[in-house]
């Protein structure tokens, strides 16, 4: 199975607009892999796209992807949905005779419910369906779907409105958690996983010297998982390899810092599966 991490950033891109931070300045000078676009994943075996951040059009172009057969949304947040009009590229009004090739868009039940409430998403999706550039499938609770040889099982996370996706074929099982692991604990019935891709969490403490970076009373800690909590989740995962993504610019860590941190974790946490940090257009190619 071949999976591409199209974007490894989070709600904040790297470089962050207007920011003069060290990591933003470096990203402007060097580009990828120091720069990071919004969170999105592409399963090449099924031409399956997971989430559409605002930058998804250039991301698909940069990856050389010519067709998205199917797409699925993890939740309604703007950094995961704002680029949904990318599907307009399936058909342009000057094509004649018209030959649209709509993308099948799967909405897990809570995502479909939230689309009715937030950001006008339901109307935007309905407009795209009326243009015949997407075909919407609203999934039932616990319903999996199949794209070619790939089965996708949405798994509702603890926050109650975000889904992870267990993606498998005859040989490989991959768990992709796009965002919002706060309060989540890996369930006991997870199968053995070849790869887990999940958010790194917020760095409440400097991972190298232990200095507190986010005040203990900061409200963000009541709704967002921290890096230390993420490591506890990793310890409970039946995974051969873990890749941490959704890397926020305010973490203050550059691409080189994440490489250094991965080396440090290998030495200080030998009980954990190998942990690395994602970068834009990283390819995971499992046997």
C-alpha atoms as a PDB file:
ATOM      1  CA  UNK A   1       0.000   0.000   0.000  1.00  0.00           C
ATOM      2  CA  UNK A   2       1.304   3.424  -0.973  1.00  0.00           C
ATOM      3  CA  UNK A   3       0.208   6.427   1.075  1.00  0.00           C
ATOM      4  CA  UNK A   4       1.354   9.999   0.572  1.00  0.00           C
ATOM      5  CA  UNK A   5       1.249  12.584   3.359  1.00  0.00           C
ATOM      6  CA  UNK A   6       0.347  15.487   1.129  1.00  0.00           C
ATOM      7  CA  UNK A   7       0.502  18.000   3.973  1.00  0.00           C
ATOM      8  CA  UNK A   8       2.053  17.602   7.420  1.00  0.00           C
ATOM      9  CA  UNK A   9       0.962  20.907   8.952  1.00  0.00           C
ATOM     10  CA  UNK A  10      -2.062  21.609  11.099  1.00  0.00           C
ATOM     11  CA  UNK A  11      -4.373  24.515  11.696  1.00  0.00           C
ATOM     12  CA  UNK A  12      -1.301  26.733  11.315  1.00  0.00           C
ATOM     13  CA  UNK A  13       0.914  26.396   8.263  1.00  0.00           C
ATOM     14  CA  UNK A  14       4.685  26.664   8.191  1.00  0.00           C
ATOM     15  CA  UNK A  15       5.637  29.340   7.340  1.00  0.00           C
ATOM     16  CA  UNK A  16       2.771  30.969   9.169  1.00  0.00           C
ATOM     17  CA  UNK A  17       1.572  34.182   7.521  1.00  0.00           C
ATOM     18  CA  UNK A  18       2.938  37.295   9.250  1.00  0.00           C
ATOM     19  CA  UNK A  19       5.199  35.211  11.512  1.00  0.00           C
ATOM     20  CA  UNK A  20       8.836  36.136  12.044  1.00  0.00           C
ATOM     21  CA  UNK A  21       9.533  33.046  14.137  1.00  0.00           C
ATOM     22  CA  UNK A  22      12.690  31.042  13.535  1.00  0.00           C
ATOM     23  CA  UNK A  23      10.847  28.139  11.908  1.00  0.00           C
ATOM     24  CA  UNK A  24       8.777  30.397   9.632  1.00  0.00           C
ATOM     25  CA  UNK A  25      11.797  32.367   8.470  1.00  0.00           C
ATOM     26  CA  UNK A  26      13.692  29.135   7.763  1.00  0.00           C
ATOM     27  CA  UNK A  27      10.716  27.641   5.904  1.00  0.00           C
ATOM     28  CA  UNK A  28      10.436  30.722   3.670  1.00  0.00           C
ATOM     29  CA  UNK A  29      14.119  30.464   2.804  1.00  0.00           C
ATOM     30  CA  UNK A  30      14.358  26.687   2.278  1.00  0.00           C
ATOM     31  CA  UNK A  31      10.877  25.490   1.321  1.00  0.00           C
ATOM     32  CA  UNK A  32      10.000  21.810   1.751  1.00  0.00           C
ATOM     33  CA  UNK A  33      10.625  19.817   3.884  1.00  0.00           C
ATOM     34  CA  UNK A  34      10.923  22.825   6.231  1.00  0.00           C
ATOM     35  CA  UNK A  35       7.600  24.236   5.011  1.00  0.00           C
ATOM     36  CA  UNK A  36       4.320  22.493   5.836  1.00  0.00           C
ATOM     37  CA  UNK A  37       0.906  22.754   4.210  1.00  0.00           C
ATOM     38  CA  UNK A  38      -2.418  21.666   5.722  1.00  0.00           C
ATOM     39  CA  UNK A  39      -3.344  18.108   6.737  1.00  0.00           C
ATOM     40  CA  UNK A  40      -4.259  15.737   3.900  1.00  0.00           C
ATOM     41  CA  UNK A  41      -3.481  12.138   2.939  1.00  0.00           C
ATOM     42  CA  UNK A  42      -3.696  10.222  -0.333  1.00  0.00           C
ATOM     43  CA  UNK A  43      -3.922   6.439  -0.687  1.00  0.00           C
ATOM     44  CA  UNK A  44      -2.510   5.864  -4.151  1.00  0.00           C
ATOM     45  CA  UNK A  45      -3.768   2.269  -4.443  1.00  0.00           C
ATOM     46  CA  UNK A  46      -7.363   3.525  -4.326  1.00  0.00           C
ATOM     47  CA  UNK A  47      -6.878   7.139  -5.480  1.00  0.00           C
ATOM     48  CA  UNK A  48      -8.490   7.985  -2.127  1.00  0.00           C
ATOM     49  CA  UNK A  49      -8.113  11.462  -0.636  1.00  0.00           C
ATOM     50  CA  UNK A  50      -8.566  12.106   3.083  1.00  0.00           C
ATOM     51  CA  UNK A  51      -9.562  15.717   3.823  1.00  0.00           C
ATOM     52  CA  UNK A  52      -9.160  18.858   1.728  1.00  0.00           C
ATOM     53  CA  UNK A  53      -7.346  21.756   3.401  1.00  0.00           C
ATOM     54  CA  UNK A  54      -7.447  25.077   1.603  1.00  0.00           C
ATOM     55  CA  UNK A  55      -4.130  24.357  -0.137  1.00  0.00           C
ATOM     56  CA  UNK A  56      -5.192  20.971  -1.534  1.00  0.00           C
ATOM     57  CA  UNK A  57      -5.166  22.016  -5.208  1.00  0.00           C
ATOM     58  CA  UNK A  58      -1.457  22.890  -5.332  1.00  0.00           C
ATOM     59  CA  UNK A  59      -0.700  19.886  -3.127  1.00  0.00           C
ATOM     60  CA  UNK A  60      -2.317  17.480  -5.588  1.00  0.00           C
ATOM     61  CA  UNK A  61      -0.587  19.185  -8.501  1.00  0.00           C
ATOM     62  CA  UNK A  62       2.805  19.022  -6.782  1.00  0.00           C
ATOM     63  CA  UNK A  63       2.269  15.298  -6.137  1.00  0.00           C
ATOM     64  CA  UNK A  64       1.422  14.669  -9.790  1.00  0.00           C
ATOM     65  CA  UNK A  65      -1.997  13.249  -8.892  1.00  0.00           C
ATOM     66  CA  UNK A  66      -4.291  13.296 -11.924  1.00  0.00           C
ATOM     67  CA  UNK A  67      -7.444  11.743 -10.486  1.00  0.00           C
ATOM     68  CA  UNK A  68      -9.222  11.444  -7.124  1.00  0.00           C
ATOM     69  CA  UNK A  69     -11.637   8.515  -7.343  1.00  0.00           C
ATOM     70  CA  UNK A  70     -12.928   8.844  -3.793  1.00  0.00           C
ATOM     71  CA  UNK A  71     -12.617  11.145  -0.810  1.00  0.00           C
ATOM     72  CA  UNK A  72     -13.600  10.978   2.836  1.00  0.00           C
ATOM     73  CA  UNK A  73     -13.780  13.636   5.530  1.00  0.00           C
ATOM     74  CA  UNK A  74     -12.616  13.184   9.103  1.00  0.00           C
ATOM     75  CA  UNK A  75     -14.485  16.226  10.493  1.00  0.00           C
ATOM     76  CA  UNK A  76     -15.768  19.686   9.633  1.00  0.00           C
ATOM     77  CA  UNK A  77     -12.915  21.949  10.790  1.00  0.00           C
ATOM     78  CA  UNK A  78     -11.755  24.494   8.158  1.00  0.00           C
ATOM     79  CA  UNK A  79      -8.188  23.151   7.985  1.00  0.00           C
ATOM     80  CA  UNK A  80      -9.709  19.854   6.814  1.00  0.00           C
ATOM     81  CA  UNK A  81     -12.592  21.047   4.585  1.00  0.00           C
ATOM     82  CA  UNK A  82     -11.952  24.543   3.191  1.00  0.00           C
ATOM     83  CA  UNK A  83     -10.508  23.223  -0.072  1.00  0.00           C
ATOM     84  CA  UNK A  84     -13.487  21.070  -1.025  1.00  0.00           C
ATOM     85  CA  UNK A  85     -14.111  23.065  -4.206  1.00  0.00           C
ATOM     86  CA  UNK A  86     -11.030  21.317  -5.628  1.00  0.00           C
ATOM     87  CA  UNK A  87     -13.528  18.796  -7.036  1.00  0.00           C
ATOM     88  CA  UNK A  88     -14.757  21.437  -9.470  1.00  0.00           C
ATOM     89  CA  UNK A  89     -11.678  20.445 -11.468  1.00  0.00           C
ATOM     90  CA  UNK A  90     -13.498  17.234 -12.425  1.00  0.00           C
ATOM     91  CA  UNK A  91     -15.479  19.249 -14.968  1.00  0.00           C
ATOM     92  CA  UNK A  92     -15.252  22.710 -16.532  1.00  0.00           C
ATOM     93  CA  UNK A  93     -18.164  24.458 -18.211  1.00  0.00           C
ATOM     94  CA  UNK A  94     -16.348  24.764 -21.547  1.00  0.00           C
ATOM     95  CA  UNK A  95     -15.965  20.980 -21.839  1.00  0.00           C
ATOM     96  CA  UNK A  96     -18.248  19.926 -24.691  1.00  0.00           C
ATOM     97  CA  UNK A  97     -19.782  17.484 -24.915  1.00  0.00           C
ATOM     98  CA  UNK A  98     -19.764  17.268 -21.112  1.00  0.00           C
ATOM     99  CA  UNK A  99     -18.002  14.238 -19.656  1.00  0.00           C
ATOM    100  CA  UNK A 100     -17.788  14.772 -15.894  1.00  0.00           C
ATOM    101  CA  UNK A 101     -16.097  12.079 -13.812  1.00  0.00           C
ATOM    102  CA  UNK A 102     -17.422  12.722 -10.308  1.00  0.00           C
ATOM    103  CA  UNK A 103     -15.456  11.867  -7.191  1.00  0.00           C
ATOM    104  CA  UNK A 104     -17.293   9.698  -4.675  1.00  0.00           C
ATOM    105  CA  UNK A 105     -17.337  11.614  -1.380  1.00  0.00           C
ATOM    106  CA  UNK A 106     -17.996   9.601   1.776  1.00  0.00           C
ATOM    107  CA  UNK A 107     -19.344  11.323   4.881  1.00  0.00           C
ATOM    108  CA  UNK A 108     -19.332   9.434   8.183  1.00  0.00           C
ATOM    109  CA  UNK A 109     -22.538  10.118  10.126  1.00  0.00           C
ATOM    110  CA  UNK A 110     -21.262  12.772  12.536  1.00  0.00           C
ATOM    111  CA  UNK A 111     -19.441  14.566   9.725  1.00  0.00           C
ATOM    112  CA  UNK A 112     -22.674  14.652   7.709  1.00  0.00           C
ATOM    113  CA  UNK A 113     -24.525  16.045  10.735  1.00  0.00           C
ATOM    114  CA  UNK A 114     -21.888  18.702  11.370  1.00  0.00           C
ATOM    115  CA  UNK A 115     -21.904  19.738   7.702  1.00  0.00           C
ATOM    116  CA  UNK A 116     -25.500  20.839   8.207  1.00  0.00           C
ATOM    117  CA  UNK A 117     -24.419  23.185  11.006  1.00  0.00           C
ATOM    118  CA  UNK A 118     -20.978  24.551  10.185  1.00  0.00           C
ATOM    119  CA  UNK A 119     -19.446  26.693   7.438  1.00  0.00           C
ATOM    120  CA  UNK A 120     -22.303  26.124   4.992  1.00  0.00           C
ATOM    121  CA  UNK A 121     -20.682  22.804   4.153  1.00  0.00           C
ATOM    122  CA  UNK A 122     -23.878  20.928   3.349  1.00  0.00           C
ATOM    123  CA  UNK A 123     -24.940  23.564   0.815  1.00  0.00           C
ATOM    124  CA  UNK A 124     -21.458  23.665  -0.701  1.00  0.00           C
ATOM    125  CA  UNK A 125     -21.433  19.887  -1.055  1.00  0.00           C
ATOM    126  CA  UNK A 126     -24.945  19.936  -2.531  1.00  0.00           C
ATOM    127  CA  UNK A 127     -23.824  22.515  -5.089  1.00  0.00           C
ATOM    128  CA  UNK A 128     -20.878  20.362  -6.132  1.00  0.00           C
ATOM    129  CA  UNK A 129     -23.154  17.338  -6.423  1.00  0.00           C
ATOM    130  CA  UNK A 130     -25.578  19.356  -8.576  1.00  0.00           C
ATOM    131  CA  UNK A 131     -22.648  20.112 -10.893  1.00  0.00           C
ATOM    132  CA  UNK A 132     -22.003  16.355 -11.087  1.00  0.00           C
ATOM    133  CA  UNK A 133     -18.409  16.717  -9.907  1.00  0.00           C
ATOM    134  CA  UNK A 134     -19.018  14.689  -6.733  1.00  0.00           C
ATOM    135  CA  UNK A 135     -21.396  11.933  -5.670  1.00  0.00           C
ATOM    136  CA  UNK A 136     -22.101  11.928  -1.931  1.00  0.00           C
ATOM    137  CA  UNK A 137     -22.483   8.769   0.138  1.00  0.00           C
ATOM    138  CA  UNK A 138     -23.640   9.261   3.723  1.00  0.00           C
ATOM    139  CA  UNK A 139     -22.409   6.369   5.806  1.00  0.00           C
ATOM    140  CA  UNK A 140     -24.287   4.729   8.664  1.00  0.00           C
ATOM    141  CA  UNK A 141     -22.773   4.236  12.111  1.00  0.00           C
ATOM    142  CA  UNK A 142     -19.842   1.789  11.975  1.00  0.00           C
ATOM    143  CA  UNK A 143     -20.240   1.403   8.205  1.00  0.00           C
ATOM    144  CA  UNK A 144     -17.080   0.695   6.219  1.00  0.00           C
ATOM    145  CA  UNK A 145     -16.665   1.327   2.507  1.00  0.00           C
ATOM    146  CA  UNK A 146     -14.601  -0.203  -0.252  1.00  0.00           C
ATOM    147  CA  UNK A 147     -12.549   1.572  -2.916  1.00  0.00           C
ATOM    148  CA  UNK A 148     -11.014  -0.985  -5.256  1.00  0.00           C
ATOM    149  CA  UNK A 149      -9.019  -3.415  -3.124  1.00  0.00           C
ATOM    150  CA  UNK A 150      -8.912  -1.010  -0.151  1.00  0.00           C
ATOM    151  CA  UNK A 151     -11.389  -1.175   2.733  1.00  0.00           C
ATOM    152  CA  UNK A 152     -11.864   1.936   4.867  1.00  0.00           C
ATOM    153  CA  UNK A 153     -13.416   1.730   8.343  1.00  0.00           C
ATOM    154  CA  UNK A 154     -14.198   5.074  10.020  1.00  0.00           C
ATOM    155  CA  UNK A 155     -13.598   5.032  13.796  1.00  0.00           C
ATOM    156  CA  UNK A 156     -15.148   7.757  15.939  1.00  0.00           C
ATOM    157  CA  UNK A 157     -12.667   9.320  18.363  1.00  0.00           C
ATOM    158  CA  UNK A 158     -13.276  10.341  21.981  1.00  0.00           C
ATOM    159  CA  UNK A 159     -14.121  13.975  21.155  1.00  0.00           C
ATOM    160  CA  UNK A 160     -17.233  12.669  19.421  1.00  0.00           C
ATOM    161  CA  UNK A 161     -17.024  14.496  16.088  1.00  0.00           C
ATOM    162  CA  UNK A 162     -13.743  13.351  14.481  1.00  0.00           C
ATOM    163  CA  UNK A 163     -13.016  10.046  12.767  1.00  0.00           C
ATOM    164  CA  UNK A 164      -9.884   8.032  12.351  1.00  0.00           C
ATOM    165  CA  UNK A 165      -9.659   5.599   9.449  1.00  0.00           C
ATOM    166  CA  UNK A 166      -8.516   1.985   9.506  1.00  0.00           C
ATOM    167  CA  UNK A 167      -7.344   1.345   5.956  1.00  0.00           C
ATOM    168  CA  UNK A 168      -6.525  -2.191   4.890  1.00  0.00           C
ATOM    169  CA  UNK A 169      -6.028  -4.557   2.028  1.00  0.00           C
ATOM    170  CA  UNK A 170      -5.060  -8.231   2.034  1.00  0.00           C
ATOM    171  CA  UNK A 171      -1.526  -7.470   3.188  1.00  0.00           C
ATOM    172  CA  UNK A 172      -1.472  -4.182   5.090  1.00  0.00           C
ATOM    173  CA  UNK A 173      -3.308  -2.365   7.861  1.00  0.00           C
ATOM    174  CA  UNK A 174      -2.785   1.356   8.372  1.00  0.00           C
ATOM    175  CA  UNK A 175      -4.477   3.632  10.910  1.00  0.00           C
ATOM    176  CA  UNK A 176      -4.728   7.311   9.954  1.00  0.00           C
ATOM    177  CA  UNK A 177      -5.860   9.716  12.667  1.00  0.00           C
ATOM    178  CA  UNK A 178      -6.106  13.149  11.031  1.00  0.00           C
ATOM    179  CA  UNK A 179      -6.702  15.232  14.190  1.00  0.00           C
ATOM    180  CA  UNK A 180      -8.176  15.661  17.686  1.00  0.00           C
ATOM    181  CA  UNK A 181      -6.894  12.757  19.791  1.00  0.00           C
ATOM    182  CA  UNK A 182      -7.770  14.526  23.065  1.00  0.00           C
ATOM    183  CA  UNK A 183      -9.076  11.982  25.575  1.00  0.00           C
ATOM    184  CA  UNK A 184      -8.598   9.061  23.183  1.00  0.00           C
ATOM    185  CA  UNK A 185      -7.201   5.706  24.219  1.00  0.00           C
ATOM    186  CA  UNK A 186      -6.518   3.032  21.611  1.00  0.00           C
ATOM    187  CA  UNK A 187      -9.282   0.403  21.843  1.00  0.00           C
ATOM    188  CA  UNK A 188      -8.318  -3.131  22.755  1.00  0.00           C
ATOM    189  CA  UNK A 189      -9.803  -4.568  19.559  1.00  0.00           C
ATOM    190  CA  UNK A 190      -7.465  -2.774  17.157  1.00  0.00           C
ATOM    191  CA  UNK A 191      -5.677  -5.251  14.880  1.00  0.00           C
ATOM    192  CA  UNK A 192      -1.912  -5.361  14.510  1.00  0.00           C
ATOM    193  CA  UNK A 193      -1.028  -2.250  12.515  1.00  0.00           C
ATOM    194  CA  UNK A 194       1.782  -1.816  10.030  1.00  0.00           C
ATOM    195  CA  UNK A 195       1.757   1.985  10.290  1.00  0.00           C
ATOM    196  CA  UNK A 196      -0.063   4.566  12.399  1.00  0.00           C
ATOM    197  CA  UNK A 197      -0.172   8.201  11.282  1.00  0.00           C
ATOM    198  CA  UNK A 198      -1.443  10.517  14.000  1.00  0.00           C
ATOM    199  CA  UNK A 199      -1.087  14.071  15.357  1.00  0.00           C
ATOM    200  CA  UNK A 200       1.983  14.842  17.438  1.00  0.00           C
ATOM    201  CA  UNK A 201      -0.022  16.952  19.860  1.00  0.00           C
ATOM    202  CA  UNK A 202       0.934  20.295  21.350  1.00  0.00           C
ATOM    203  CA  UNK A 203       4.348  20.695  22.926  1.00  0.00           C
ATOM    204  CA  UNK A 204       3.466  21.906  26.419  1.00  0.00           C
ATOM    205  CA  UNK A 205       7.109  21.313  27.352  1.00  0.00           C
ATOM    206  CA  UNK A 206      10.299  21.721  25.364  1.00  0.00           C
ATOM    207  CA  UNK A 207      11.130  18.129  24.345  1.00  0.00           C
ATOM    208  CA  UNK A 208      14.853  18.717  24.757  1.00  0.00           C
ATOM    209  CA  UNK A 209      15.244  20.648  28.011  1.00  0.00           C
ATOM    210  CA  UNK A 210      11.859  20.120  29.676  1.00  0.00           C
ATOM    211  CA  UNK A 211      11.058  23.831  29.982  1.00  0.00           C
ATOM    212  CA  UNK A 212       7.342  24.546  30.145  1.00  0.00           C
ATOM    213  CA  UNK A 213       6.163  26.261  26.957  1.00  0.00           C
ATOM    214  CA  UNK A 214       2.387  26.401  27.462  1.00  0.00           C
ATOM    215  CA  UNK A 215       1.198  27.670  30.882  1.00  0.00           C
ATOM    216  CA  UNK A 216      -0.576  24.994  32.914  1.00  0.00           C
ATOM    217  CA  UNK A 217      -3.685  27.200  33.151  1.00  0.00           C
ATOM    218  CA  UNK A 218      -3.925  27.755  29.383  1.00  0.00           C
ATOM    219  CA  UNK A 219      -7.405  26.663  28.194  1.00  0.00           C
ATOM    220  CA  UNK A 220      -5.979  24.955  25.104  1.00  0.00           C
ATOM    221  CA  UNK A 221      -4.771  22.139  27.362  1.00  0.00           C
ATOM    222  CA  UNK A 222      -8.417  21.373  28.192  1.00  0.00           C
ATOM    223  CA  UNK A 223      -9.207  20.496  24.583  1.00  0.00           C
ATOM    224  CA  UNK A 224      -5.982  19.491  22.808  1.00  0.00           C
ATOM    225  CA  UNK A 225      -3.739  16.496  23.383  1.00  0.00           C
ATOM    226  CA  UNK A 226      -0.129  17.178  24.278  1.00  0.00           C
ATOM    227  CA  UNK A 227       2.969  15.470  22.933  1.00  0.00           C
ATOM    228  CA  UNK A 228       3.463  13.646  26.227  1.00  0.00           C
ATOM    229  CA  UNK A 229      -0.108  12.345  26.066  1.00  0.00           C
ATOM    230  CA  UNK A 230       0.529  11.270  22.480  1.00  0.00           C
ATOM    231  CA  UNK A 231       3.465   9.144  23.611  1.00  0.00           C
ATOM    232  CA  UNK A 232       1.143   7.430  26.100  1.00  0.00           C
ATOM    233  CA  UNK A 233      -1.248   6.643  23.234  1.00  0.00           C
ATOM    234  CA  UNK A 234       1.612   5.307  21.127  1.00  0.00           C
ATOM    235  CA  UNK A 235       2.587   2.966  23.965  1.00  0.00           C
ATOM    236  CA  UNK A 236      -0.906   1.430  23.810  1.00  0.00           C
ATOM    237  CA  UNK A 237      -0.960   0.996  20.019  1.00  0.00           C
ATOM    238  CA  UNK A 238      -0.262  -2.401  18.397  1.00  0.00           C
ATOM    239  CA  UNK A 239       1.888  -0.691  15.755  1.00  0.00           C
ATOM    240  CA  UNK A 240       5.131  -1.515  13.986  1.00  0.00           C
ATOM    241  CA  UNK A 241       5.778   2.144  13.133  1.00  0.00           C
ATOM    242  CA  UNK A 242       4.289   5.511  14.104  1.00  0.00           C
ATOM    243  CA  UNK A 243       4.511   8.744  12.097  1.00  0.00           C
ATOM    244  CA  UNK A 244       3.514  11.938  13.900  1.00  0.00           C
ATOM    245  CA  UNK A 245       1.951  14.666  11.781  1.00  0.00           C
ATOM    246  CA  UNK A 246      -0.347  17.724  12.103  1.00  0.00           C
ATOM    247  CA  UNK A 247       2.760  19.672  13.145  1.00  0.00           C
ATOM    248  CA  UNK A 248       1.901  23.218  14.173  1.00  0.00           C
ATOM    249  CA  UNK A 249       4.188  26.211  13.536  1.00  0.00           C
ATOM    250  CA  UNK A 250       3.790  27.506  17.127  1.00  0.00           C
ATOM    251  CA  UNK A 251       5.481  24.310  18.344  1.00  0.00           C
ATOM    252  CA  UNK A 252       8.667  26.174  17.461  1.00  0.00           C
ATOM    253  CA  UNK A 253      10.350  23.086  16.019  1.00  0.00           C
ATOM    254  CA  UNK A 254      11.932  22.911  12.574  1.00  0.00           C
ATOM    255  CA  UNK A 255      12.372  19.913  10.294  1.00  0.00           C
ATOM    256  CA  UNK A 256      15.883  19.418  11.718  1.00  0.00           C
ATOM    257  CA  UNK A 257      14.537  19.603  15.276  1.00  0.00           C
ATOM    258  CA  UNK A 258      12.041  16.848  14.521  1.00  0.00           C
ATOM    259  CA  UNK A 259      14.812  14.655  13.091  1.00  0.00           C
ATOM    260  CA  UNK A 260      16.787  15.212  16.274  1.00  0.00           C
ATOM    261  CA  UNK A 261      13.746  14.449  18.416  1.00  0.00           C
ATOM    262  CA  UNK A 262      13.105  11.178  16.575  1.00  0.00           C
ATOM    263  CA  UNK A 263      16.688  10.116  17.338  1.00  0.00           C
ATOM    264  CA  UNK A 264      16.234  11.104  20.986  1.00  0.00           C
ATOM    265  CA  UNK A 265      13.010   9.089  21.303  1.00  0.00           C
ATOM    266  CA  UNK A 266      14.727   6.005  19.901  1.00  0.00           C
ATOM    267  CA  UNK A 267      17.218   6.223  22.758  1.00  0.00           C
ATOM    268  CA  UNK A 268      14.937   7.264  25.614  1.00  0.00           C
ATOM    269  CA  UNK A 269      11.854   5.190  24.709  1.00  0.00           C
ATOM    270  CA  UNK A 270      13.146   1.838  23.411  1.00  0.00           C
ATOM    271  CA  UNK A 271       9.861   0.263  24.513  1.00  0.00           C
ATOM    272  CA  UNK A 272       7.901   2.251  21.924  1.00  0.00           C
ATOM    273  CA  UNK A 273       7.619   1.434  18.224  1.00  0.00           C
ATOM    274  CA  UNK A 274       9.856   3.558  15.983  1.00  0.00           C
ATOM    275  CA  UNK A 275       8.544   7.130  15.911  1.00  0.00           C
ATOM    276  CA  UNK A 276       9.292   9.656  13.173  1.00  0.00           C
ATOM    277  CA  UNK A 277       7.831  13.016  12.217  1.00  0.00           C
ATOM    278  CA  UNK A 278       6.012  13.663   8.963  1.00  0.00           C
ATOM    279  CA  UNK A 279       6.961  16.065   6.192  1.00  0.00           C
ATOM    280  CA  UNK A 280       5.055  17.211   3.119  1.00  0.00           C
ATOM    281  CA  UNK A 281       4.776  14.618   0.327  1.00  0.00           C
ATOM    282  CA  UNK A 282       6.329  11.898   2.415  1.00  0.00           C
ATOM    283  CA  UNK A 283       5.666   8.465   0.889  1.00  0.00           C
ATOM    284  CA  UNK A 284       4.851   5.442   3.030  1.00  0.00           C
ATOM    285  CA  UNK A 285       5.183   2.345   0.878  1.00  0.00           C
ATOM    286  CA  UNK A 286       4.378  -0.817   2.808  1.00  0.00           C
ATOM    287  CA  UNK A 287       5.058  -4.307   1.423  1.00  0.00           C
END
